[in-house]
Amino acid sequence: MDEATEDWQQLVGSWVELRYGGSVVRTGEVEVVAEDSSVMWLKFNGNHGRQMVAKTDGYEVFPIR
């Protein structure tokens, strides 16, 4: 069973699933993470750009293996 990763720093450069309420919201590459892992920027393929994600928004992040 997969588990959410709390230390977002270790995910920089990795592809992850962004989930909310157990459902996949998006898949993207972790581009930048705050030192305290409170915020990250995800980069998406194509014209989808980037998204800032905050832990306080209730998202969970699962590495894609």
PDB file of N, CA and C in Angstrom:
ATOM      1  N   MET A   1       0.845  -1.194   0.000  1.00  0.00           N
ATOM      2  CA  MET A   1       0.000   0.000   0.000  1.00  0.00           C
ATOM      3  C   MET A   1       0.882   1.247   0.000  1.00  0.00           C
ATOM      4  N   ASP A   2       0.509   2.209  -0.782  1.00  0.00           N
ATOM      5  CA  ASP A   2       1.320   3.424  -0.846  1.00  0.00           C
ATOM      6  C   ASP A   2       0.970   4.360   0.307  1.00  0.00           C
ATOM      7  N   GLU A   3       1.939   5.209   0.662  1.00  0.00           N
ATOM      8  CA  GLU A   3       1.741   6.136   1.763  1.00  0.00           C
ATOM      9  C   GLU A   3       2.111   7.540   1.321  1.00  0.00           C
ATOM     10  N   ALA A   4       1.391   8.512   1.876  1.00  0.00           N
ATOM     11  CA  ALA A   4       1.706   9.912   1.604  1.00  0.00           C
ATOM     12  C   ALA A   4       3.071  10.234   2.196  1.00  0.00           C
ATOM     13  N   THR A   5       3.786  11.124   1.545  1.00  0.00           N
ATOM     14  CA  THR A   5       5.093  11.557   2.014  1.00  0.00           C
ATOM     15  C   THR A   5       4.950  12.907   2.704  1.00  0.00           C
ATOM     16  N   GLU A   6       5.375  12.980   3.955  1.00  0.00           N
ATOM     17  CA  GLU A   6       5.286  14.221   4.729  1.00  0.00           C
ATOM     18  C   GLU A   6       6.486  15.138   4.495  1.00  0.00           C
ATOM     19  N   ASP A   7       7.667  14.549   4.239  1.00  0.00           N
ATOM     20  CA  ASP A   7       8.881  15.336   4.004  1.00  0.00           C
ATOM     21  C   ASP A   7       8.982  15.626   2.511  1.00  0.00           C
ATOM     22  N   TRP A   8       8.363  16.711   2.093  1.00  0.00           N
ATOM     23  CA  TRP A   8       8.326  17.056   0.671  1.00  0.00           C
ATOM     24  C   TRP A   8       9.699  17.381   0.109  1.00  0.00           C
ATOM     25  N   GLN A   9      10.665  17.761   0.943  1.00  0.00           N
ATOM     26  CA  GLN A   9      12.019  18.068   0.471  1.00  0.00           C
ATOM     27  C   GLN A   9      12.623  16.893  -0.285  1.00  0.00           C
ATOM     28  N   GLN A  10      12.345  15.682   0.144  1.00  0.00           N
ATOM     29  CA  GLN A  10      12.935  14.504  -0.494  1.00  0.00           C
ATOM     30  C   GLN A  10      12.323  14.212  -1.862  1.00  0.00           C
ATOM     31  N   LEU A  11      11.278  14.941  -2.240  1.00  0.00           N
ATOM     32  CA  LEU A  11      10.581  14.692  -3.502  1.00  0.00           C
ATOM     33  C   LEU A  11      11.010  15.602  -4.651  1.00  0.00           C
ATOM     34  N   VAL A  12      11.859  16.571  -4.400  1.00  0.00           N
ATOM     35  CA  VAL A  12      12.278  17.504  -5.450  1.00  0.00           C
ATOM     36  C   VAL A  12      12.820  16.725  -6.649  1.00  0.00           C
ATOM     37  N   GLY A  13      12.268  17.004  -7.836  1.00  0.00           N
ATOM     38  CA  GLY A  13      12.676  16.326  -9.061  1.00  0.00           C
ATOM     39  C   GLY A  13      11.904  15.047  -9.342  1.00  0.00           C
ATOM     40  N   SER A  14      11.044  14.623  -8.416  1.00  0.00           N
ATOM     41  CA  SER A  14      10.268  13.385  -8.578  1.00  0.00           C
ATOM     42  C   SER A  14       8.866  13.674  -9.106  1.00  0.00           C
ATOM     43  N   TRP A  15       8.270  12.666  -9.732  1.00  0.00           N
ATOM     44  CA  TRP A  15       6.876  12.734 -10.154  1.00  0.00           C
ATOM     45  C   TRP A  15       6.000  12.198  -9.044  1.00  0.00           C
ATOM     46  N   VAL A  16       4.904  12.904  -8.779  1.00  0.00           N
ATOM     47  CA  VAL A  16       4.025  12.549  -7.676  1.00  0.00           C
ATOM     48  C   VAL A  16       2.561  12.673  -8.086  1.00  0.00           C
ATOM     49  N   GLU A  17       1.705  12.023  -7.301  1.00  0.00           N
ATOM     50  CA  GLU A  17       0.264  12.227  -7.406  1.00  0.00           C
ATOM     51  C   GLU A  17      -0.144  13.172  -6.288  1.00  0.00           C
ATOM     52  N   LEU A  18      -0.883  14.199  -6.620  1.00  0.00           N
ATOM     53  CA  LEU A  18      -1.451  15.123  -5.653  1.00  0.00           C
ATOM     54  C   LEU A  18      -2.875  14.649  -5.389  1.00  0.00           C
ATOM     55  N   ARG A  19      -3.179  14.354  -4.117  1.00  0.00           N
ATOM     56  CA  ARG A  19      -4.503  13.821  -3.768  1.00  0.00           C
ATOM     57  C   ARG A  19      -5.189  14.717  -2.747  1.00  0.00           C
ATOM     58  N   TYR A  20      -6.503  14.727  -2.833  1.00  0.00           N
ATOM     59  CA  TYR A  20      -7.321  15.451  -1.862  1.00  0.00           C
ATOM     60  C   TYR A  20      -8.532  14.588  -1.553  1.00  0.00           C
ATOM     61  N   GLY A  21      -8.750  14.303  -0.281  1.00  0.00           N
ATOM     62  CA  GLY A  21      -9.868  13.451   0.097  1.00  0.00           C
ATOM     63  C   GLY A  21      -9.784  12.050  -0.483  1.00  0.00           C
ATOM     64  N   GLY A  22      -8.563  11.566  -0.726  1.00  0.00           N
ATOM     65  CA  GLY A  22      -8.362  10.230  -1.253  1.00  0.00           C
ATOM     66  C   GLY A  22      -8.406  10.122  -2.767  1.00  0.00           C
ATOM     67  N   SER A  23      -8.775  11.205  -3.454  1.00  0.00           N
ATOM     68  CA  SER A  23      -8.860  11.188  -4.917  1.00  0.00           C
ATOM     69  C   SER A  23      -7.679  11.911  -5.542  1.00  0.00           C
ATOM     70  N   VAL A  24      -7.200  11.398  -6.669  1.00  0.00           N
ATOM     71  CA  VAL A  24      -6.102  12.041  -7.389  1.00  0.00           C
ATOM     72  C   VAL A  24      -6.610  13.327  -8.039  1.00  0.00           C
ATOM     73  N   VAL A  25      -5.920  14.423  -7.740  1.00  0.00           N
ATOM     74  CA  VAL A  25      -6.249  15.728  -8.311  1.00  0.00           C
ATOM     75  C   VAL A  25      -5.417  15.978  -9.561  1.00  0.00           C
ATOM     76  N   ARG A  26      -4.114  15.749  -9.447  1.00  0.00           N
ATOM     77  CA  ARG A  26      -3.189  15.968 -10.552  1.00  0.00           C
ATOM     78  C   ARG A  26      -1.965  15.095 -10.353  1.00  0.00           C
ATOM     79  N   THR A  27      -1.209  14.973 -11.422  1.00  0.00           N
ATOM     80  CA  THR A  27       0.100  14.335 -11.391  1.00  0.00           C
ATOM     81  C   THR A  27       1.093  15.352 -11.924  1.00  0.00           C
ATOM     82  N   GLY A  28       2.238  15.484 -11.261  1.00  0.00           N
ATOM     83  CA  GLY A  28       3.222  16.449 -11.718  1.00  0.00           C
ATOM     84  C   GLY A  28       4.581  16.192 -11.113  1.00  0.00           C
ATOM     85  N   GLU A  29       5.538  17.020 -11.538  1.00  0.00           N
ATOM     86  CA  GLU A  29       6.920  16.930 -11.050  1.00  0.00           C
ATOM     87  C   GLU A  29       7.127  17.981  -9.970  1.00  0.00           C
ATOM     88  N   VAL A  30       7.698  17.574  -8.838  1.00  0.00           N
ATOM     89  CA  VAL A  30       7.991  18.504  -7.753  1.00  0.00           C
ATOM     90  C   VAL A  30       9.175  19.357  -8.184  1.00  0.00           C
ATOM     91  N   GLU A  31       8.924  20.659  -8.310  1.00  0.00           N
ATOM     92  CA  GLU A  31       9.951  21.574  -8.806  1.00  0.00           C
ATOM     93  C   GLU A  31      10.717  22.255  -7.677  1.00  0.00           C
ATOM     94  N   VAL A  32      10.006  22.828  -6.710  1.00  0.00           N
ATOM     95  CA  VAL A  32      10.614  23.565  -5.600  1.00  0.00           C
ATOM     96  C   VAL A  32       9.811  23.271  -4.343  1.00  0.00           C
ATOM     97  N   VAL A  33      10.513  23.171  -3.190  1.00  0.00           N
ATOM     98  CA  VAL A  33       9.857  22.923  -1.907  1.00  0.00           C
ATOM     99  C   VAL A  33      10.442  23.860  -0.864  1.00  0.00           C
ATOM    100  N   ALA A  34       9.573  24.417  -0.006  1.00  0.00           N
ATOM    101  CA  ALA A  34      10.042  25.237   1.104  1.00  0.00           C
ATOM    102  C   ALA A  34      10.862  24.377   2.061  1.00  0.00           C
ATOM    103  N   GLU A  35      11.813  24.992   2.766  1.00  0.00           N
ATOM    104  CA  GLU A  35      12.685  24.247   3.674  1.00  0.00           C
ATOM    105  C   GLU A  35      11.916  23.449   4.710  1.00  0.00           C
ATOM    106  N   ASP A  36      10.772  23.958   5.155  1.00  0.00           N
ATOM    107  CA  ASP A  36       9.978  23.273   6.180  1.00  0.00           C
ATOM    108  C   ASP A  36       8.914  22.342   5.584  1.00  0.00           C
ATOM    109  N   SER A  37       8.955  22.130   4.283  1.00  0.00           N
ATOM    110  CA  SER A  37       8.015  21.255   3.561  1.00  0.00           C
ATOM    111  C   SER A  37       6.565  21.713   3.674  1.00  0.00           C
ATOM    112  N   SER A  38       6.337  22.990   3.920  1.00  0.00           N
ATOM    113  CA  SER A  38       4.969  23.488   4.062  1.00  0.00           C
ATOM    114  C   SER A  38       4.328  23.824   2.716  1.00  0.00           C
ATOM    115  N   VAL A  39       5.156  24.093   1.716  1.00  0.00           N
ATOM    116  CA  VAL A  39       4.677  24.516   0.395  1.00  0.00           C
ATOM    117  C   VAL A  39       5.570  23.899  -0.676  1.00  0.00           C
ATOM    118  N   MET A  40       4.965  23.530  -1.801  1.00  0.00           N
ATOM    119  CA  MET A  40       5.745  23.066  -2.949  1.00  0.00           C
ATOM    120  C   MET A  40       5.141  23.618  -4.232  1.00  0.00           C
ATOM    121  N   TRP A  41       5.943  23.632  -5.273  1.00  0.00           N
ATOM    122  CA  TRP A  41       5.473  23.959  -6.617  1.00  0.00           C
ATOM    123  C   TRP A  41       5.539  22.693  -7.446  1.00  0.00           C
ATOM    124  N   LEU A  42       4.413  22.342  -8.079  1.00  0.00           N
ATOM    125  CA  LEU A  42       4.365  21.215  -8.998  1.00  0.00           C
ATOM    126  C   LEU A  42       4.351  21.730 -10.424  1.00  0.00           C
ATOM    127  N   LYS A  43       5.119  21.087 -11.288  1.00  0.00           N
ATOM    128  CA  LYS A  43       5.191  21.426 -12.709  1.00  0.00           C
ATOM    129  C   LYS A  43       4.479  20.336 -13.488  1.00  0.00           C
ATOM    130  N   PHE A  44       3.656  20.756 -14.458  1.00  0.00           N
ATOM    131  CA  PHE A  44       2.868  19.816 -15.246  1.00  0.00           C
ATOM    132  C   PHE A  44       3.323  19.824 -16.697  1.00  0.00           C
ATOM    133  N   ASN A  45       3.029  18.750 -17.425  1.00  0.00           N
ATOM    134  CA  ASN A  45       3.347  18.651 -18.852  1.00  0.00           C
ATOM    135  C   ASN A  45       2.443  19.566 -19.666  1.00  0.00           C
ATOM    136  N   GLY A  46       2.909  19.905 -20.851  1.00  0.00           N
ATOM    137  CA  GLY A  46       2.090  20.667 -21.787  1.00  0.00           C
ATOM    138  C   GLY A  46       1.814  22.084 -21.321  1.00  0.00           C
ATOM    139  N   ASN A  47       0.614  22.550 -21.578  1.00  0.00           N
ATOM    140  CA  ASN A  47       0.232  23.925 -21.265  1.00  0.00           C
ATOM    141  C   ASN A  47      -0.419  24.066 -19.894  1.00  0.00           C
ATOM    142  N   HIS A  48      -0.221  23.106 -19.024  1.00  0.00           N
ATOM    143  CA  HIS A  48      -0.866  23.133 -17.720  1.00  0.00           C
ATOM    144  C   HIS A  48      -0.096  23.935 -16.686  1.00  0.00           C
ATOM    145  N   GLY A  49       1.123  24.346 -16.982  1.00  0.00           N
ATOM    146  CA  GLY A  49       1.892  25.229 -16.110  1.00  0.00           C
ATOM    147  C   GLY A  49       2.290  24.623 -14.788  1.00  0.00           C
ATOM    148  N   ARG A  50       2.165  25.442 -13.732  1.00  0.00           N
ATOM    149  CA  ARG A  50       2.594  25.060 -12.389  1.00  0.00           C
ATOM    150  C   ARG A  50       1.476  25.333 -11.394  1.00  0.00           C
ATOM    151  N   GLN A  51       1.599  24.707 -10.229  1.00  0.00           N
ATOM    152  CA  GLN A  51       0.635  24.919  -9.161  1.00  0.00           C
ATOM    153  C   GLN A  51       1.366  24.943  -7.835  1.00  0.00           C
ATOM    154  N   MET A  52       1.039  25.927  -6.989  1.00  0.00           N
ATOM    155  CA  MET A  52       1.571  25.956  -5.637  1.00  0.00           C
ATOM    156  C   MET A  52       0.646  25.118  -4.760  1.00  0.00           C
ATOM    157  N   VAL A  53       1.238  24.245  -3.955  1.00  0.00           N
ATOM    158  CA  VAL A  53       0.486  23.352  -3.090  1.00  0.00           C
ATOM    159  C   VAL A  53       0.946  23.582  -1.647  1.00  0.00           C
ATOM    160  N   ALA A  54       0.002  23.788  -0.747  1.00  0.00           N
ATOM    161  CA  ALA A  54       0.317  23.977   0.671  1.00  0.00           C
ATOM    162  C   ALA A  54      -0.263  22.832   1.477  1.00  0.00           C
ATOM    163  N   LYS A  55       0.498  22.347   2.463  1.00  0.00           N
ATOM    164  CA  LYS A  55      -0.008  21.274   3.321  1.00  0.00           C
ATOM    165  C   LYS A  55      -1.267  21.702   4.050  1.00  0.00           C
ATOM    166  N   THR A  56      -1.356  22.963   4.404  1.00  0.00           N
ATOM    167  CA  THR A  56      -2.526  23.444   5.142  1.00  0.00           C
ATOM    168  C   THR A  56      -3.804  23.373   4.319  1.00  0.00           C
ATOM    169  N   ASP A  57      -3.687  23.170   3.002  1.00  0.00           N
ATOM    170  CA  ASP A  57      -4.869  23.027   2.141  1.00  0.00           C
ATOM    171  C   ASP A  57      -5.431  21.608   2.179  1.00  0.00           C
ATOM    172  N   GLY A  58      -4.757  20.694   2.886  1.00  0.00           N
ATOM    173  CA  GLY A  58      -5.255  19.336   3.039  1.00  0.00           C
ATOM    174  C   GLY A  58      -4.840  18.345   1.969  1.00  0.00           C
ATOM    175  N   TYR A  59      -3.871  18.722   1.135  1.00  0.00           N
ATOM    176  CA  TYR A  59      -3.399  17.808   0.094  1.00  0.00           C
ATOM    177  C   TYR A  59      -2.470  16.741   0.680  1.00  0.00           C
ATOM    178  N   GLU A  60      -2.474  15.579   0.039  1.00  0.00           N
ATOM    179  CA  GLU A  60      -1.502  14.536   0.324  1.00  0.00           C
ATOM    180  C   GLU A  60      -0.707  14.319  -0.957  1.00  0.00           C
ATOM    181  N   VAL A  61       0.563  13.956  -0.804  1.00  0.00           N
ATOM    182  CA  VAL A  61       1.452  13.760  -1.944  1.00  0.00           C
ATOM    183  C   VAL A  61       2.005  12.345  -1.914  1.00  0.00           C
ATOM    184  N   PHE A  62       1.816  11.635  -3.021  1.00  0.00           N
ATOM    185  CA  PHE A  62       2.254  10.244  -3.139  1.00  0.00           C
ATOM    186  C   PHE A  62       3.257  10.123  -4.276  1.00  0.00           C
ATOM    187  N   PRO A  63       4.485   9.664  -3.975  1.00  0.00           N
ATOM    188  CA  PRO A  63       5.456   9.453  -5.055  1.00  0.00           C
ATOM    189  C   PRO A  63       4.962   8.398  -6.036  1.00  0.00           C
ATOM    190  N   ILE A  64       5.245   8.588  -7.304  1.00  0.00           N
ATOM    191  CA  ILE A  64       4.910   7.604  -8.327  1.00  0.00           C
ATOM    192  C   ILE A  64       6.118   6.711  -8.494  1.00  0.00           C
ATOM    193  N   ARG A  65       5.914   5.430  -8.362  1.00  0.00           N
ATOM    194  CA  ARG A  65       7.044   4.483  -8.438  1.00  0.00           C
ATOM    195  C   ARG A  65       7.010   3.686  -9.679  1.00  0.00           C
TER     196      ARG A  65
END
